[in-house]
Protein backbone atom coordinates (compact mmCIF):
# COMPACT_ATOMS: atom_id res chain seq x y z
CA UNK A 1 7.78 -1.41 0.31
CA UNK A 2 10.43 -3.76 -1.03
CA UNK A 3 11.44 -4.19 -3.80
CA UNK A 4 10.86 -0.50 -4.76
CA UNK A 5 12.23 0.97 -1.52
CA UNK A 6 15.01 -0.31 0.71
CA UNK A 7 16.06 0.36 4.31
CA UNK A 8 17.99 3.62 4.48
CA UNK A 9 16.56 5.10 1.25
CA UNK A 10 16.00 8.84 1.39
CA UNK A 11 12.75 9.69 -0.35
CA UNK A 12 10.77 12.75 -1.35
CA UNK A 13 7.14 12.83 -0.19
CA UNK A 14 4.94 15.55 -1.66
CA UNK A 15 2.91 16.91 1.27
CA UNK A 16 1.01 19.60 -0.62
CA UNK A 17 -2.77 19.83 -0.37
CA UNK A 18 -2.99 18.82 -4.04
CA UNK A 19 -0.91 15.66 -3.44
CA UNK A 20 -3.08 14.69 -0.46
CA UNK A 21 -6.33 15.26 -2.33
CA UNK A 22 -5.41 14.00 -5.84
CA UNK A 23 -5.07 10.31 -4.97
CA UNK A 24 -5.47 7.37 -7.34
CA UNK A 25 -5.30 3.59 -7.28
CA UNK A 26 -1.65 2.52 -7.34
CA UNK A 27 -0.24 5.67 -5.71
CA UNK A 28 2.24 5.18 -2.90
CA UNK A 29 1.29 7.30 0.08
CA UNK A 30 2.80 8.26 3.39
CA UNK A 31 0.27 8.00 6.20
CA UNK A 32 0.05 8.34 9.95
CA UNK A 33 -0.36 5.01 11.69
CA UNK A 34 0.09 4.34 15.43
CA UNK A 35 2.49 7.26 16.11
CA UNK A 36 4.54 6.51 12.98
CA UNK A 37 4.63 7.47 9.32
CA UNK A 38 4.43 4.45 6.99
CA UNK A 39 4.37 3.98 3.23
CA UNK A 40 1.68 1.88 1.53
CA UNK A 41 0.21 1.54 -1.95
CA UNK A 42 -3.42 2.52 -2.55
CA UNK A 43 -5.21 -0.58 -3.78
CA UNK A 44 -8.81 0.69 -3.66
CA UNK A 45 -10.49 4.07 -3.33
CA UNK A 46 -13.83 4.90 -1.67
CA UNK A 47 -16.70 2.90 -3.18
CA UNK A 48 -14.45 0.32 -4.85
CA UNK A 49 -14.55 -3.37 -3.93
CA UNK A 50 -11.31 -5.25 -3.29
CA UNK A 51 -10.59 -8.94 -2.74
CA UNK A 52 -7.72 -11.39 -2.93
CA UNK A 53 -7.38 -15.02 -3.95
CA UNK A 54 -4.18 -17.06 -4.03
CA UNK A 55 -1.93 -13.95 -3.99
CA UNK A 56 -3.92 -12.27 -6.75
CA UNK A 57 -5.72 -8.99 -6.02
CA UNK A 58 -9.03 -8.03 -7.63
CA UNK A 59 -10.50 -4.52 -7.74
CA UNK A 60 -14.14 -4.33 -8.80
CA UNK A 61 -13.84 -7.93 -10.04
CA UNK A 62 -10.81 -7.36 -12.29
CA UNK A 63 -7.41 -8.84 -11.50
CA UNK A 64 -4.71 -6.21 -11.03
CA UNK A 65 -1.46 -6.24 -12.97
CA UNK A 66 1.20 -5.69 -10.30
CA UNK A 67 4.67 -5.69 -11.90
CA UNK A 68 6.12 -3.88 -8.86
CA UNK A 69 5.78 -6.94 -6.58
CA UNK A 70 8.75 -9.06 -5.62
CA UNK A 71 8.64 -12.86 -5.64
CA UNK A 72 6.43 -14.60 -3.09
CA UNK A 73 8.24 -15.88 -0.02
CA UNK A 74 5.68 -18.59 0.78
CA UNK A 75 5.80 -17.46 4.42
CA UNK A 76 2.47 -15.63 4.39
CA UNK A 77 -0.32 -16.27 6.83
CA UNK A 78 -3.40 -17.51 4.90
CA UNK A 79 -5.26 -14.25 5.65
CA UNK A 80 -2.69 -12.37 3.55
CA UNK A 81 -2.94 -14.72 0.57
CA UNK A 82 -6.73 -14.75 0.28
CA UNK A 83 -9.13 -12.16 1.68
CA UNK A 84 -12.87 -11.69 1.31
CA UNK A 85 -14.35 -8.92 -0.83
CA UNK A 86 -14.94 -5.64 0.94
CA UNK A 87 -16.13 -2.27 -0.26
CA UNK A 88 -14.07 0.72 0.82
CA UNK A 89 -16.07 3.24 2.80
CA UNK A 90 -16.42 6.95 2.15
CA UNK A 91 -13.36 8.88 3.32
CA UNK A 92 -11.21 5.72 3.42
CA UNK A 93 -8.57 3.88 1.39
CA UNK A 94 -7.60 0.21 1.21
CA UNK A 95 -3.79 0.01 1.27
CA UNK A 96 -1.23 -2.76 0.95
CA UNK A 97 2.55 -2.95 1.08
CA UNK A 98 4.48 -4.21 -1.94
CA UNK A 99 6.25 -6.80 0.22
CA UNK A 100 2.93 -8.65 0.38
CA UNK A 101 3.97 -11.73 2.33
CA UNK A 102 5.19 -9.62 5.26
CA UNK A 103 3.12 -6.44 5.04
CA UNK A 104 0.77 -5.46 7.85
CA UNK A 105 -1.92 -3.56 5.95
CA UNK A 106 -5.64 -3.20 5.23
CA UNK A 107 -6.06 -6.95 4.72
CA UNK A 108 -5.72 -7.42 8.49
CA UNK A 109 -8.84 -6.68 10.52
CA UNK A 110 -6.67 -4.99 13.19
CA UNK A 111 -5.29 -2.58 10.58
CA UNK A 112 -8.35 -2.00 8.43
CA UNK A 113 -8.95 0.78 5.99
CA UNK A 114 -7.01 4.02 6.23
CA UNK A 115 -8.78 7.32 6.74
CA UNK A 116 -8.09 9.96 4.10
CA UNK A 117 -7.32 12.46 6.86
CA UNK A 118 -4.34 10.29 7.88
CA UNK A 119 -2.64 10.72 4.49
CA UNK A 120 0.51 12.84 4.90
CA UNK A 121 1.45 12.94 1.21
CA UNK A 122 2.50 10.97 -1.87
CA UNK A 123 5.85 9.29 -2.49
CA UNK A 124 7.44 10.88 -5.56
CA UNK A 125 11.01 9.55 -5.84
CA UNK A 126 14.08 8.20 -4.08
CA UNK A 127 16.83 10.79 -4.06
CA UNK A 128 19.49 8.86 -2.13
CA UNK A 129 19.52 5.06 -2.12
CA UNK A 130 20.19 3.35 1.20
CA UNK A 131 23.19 1.08 1.75
CA UNK A 132 21.35 -2.09 0.70
CA UNK A 133 20.13 -0.54 -2.56
CA UNK A 134 23.58 0.74 -3.52
CA UNK A 135 25.24 -2.69 -3.41
C-alpha cells in the first residue's frame, strides 16, 4: 500500500462489526487472503462496474480521482494497466493496492473479487512508522 504505508509500519485496524459492515468505496481494508492478512483499497462495491484504461480507473463510467497513488513505475504487466469492465457481484468487493504497478489484486483473474466475509476490518491510522517511513 505504498506510498501510504511502508514496511514495518504499525497500524490500527478496526475489527468491530460496524467497521466490517460499514464499507465504502475508497476504504482501506484488511482481509484474509491465502492464509495471510493483506491490506487493499475498495475500488468498487457490489453492483458497481469497474474498468481500467491506461492506468486510469473508472467506476460506473466515471474516472476516479486517486491522489493517494505514487508515480507509475512503467514496469506493469499490460493486464494491470488496462482491464475490461466487470460488475462486482453480490457479497463481493473489487480491491486494488495503491502501489498499482506491483499490486496483485482484483484485476488479476487468479485473485478476483474479494468476498465480504473475508474482510477482517478497516485500516484507521498508522501509530508507529516503520524504519523506512521515519527516514
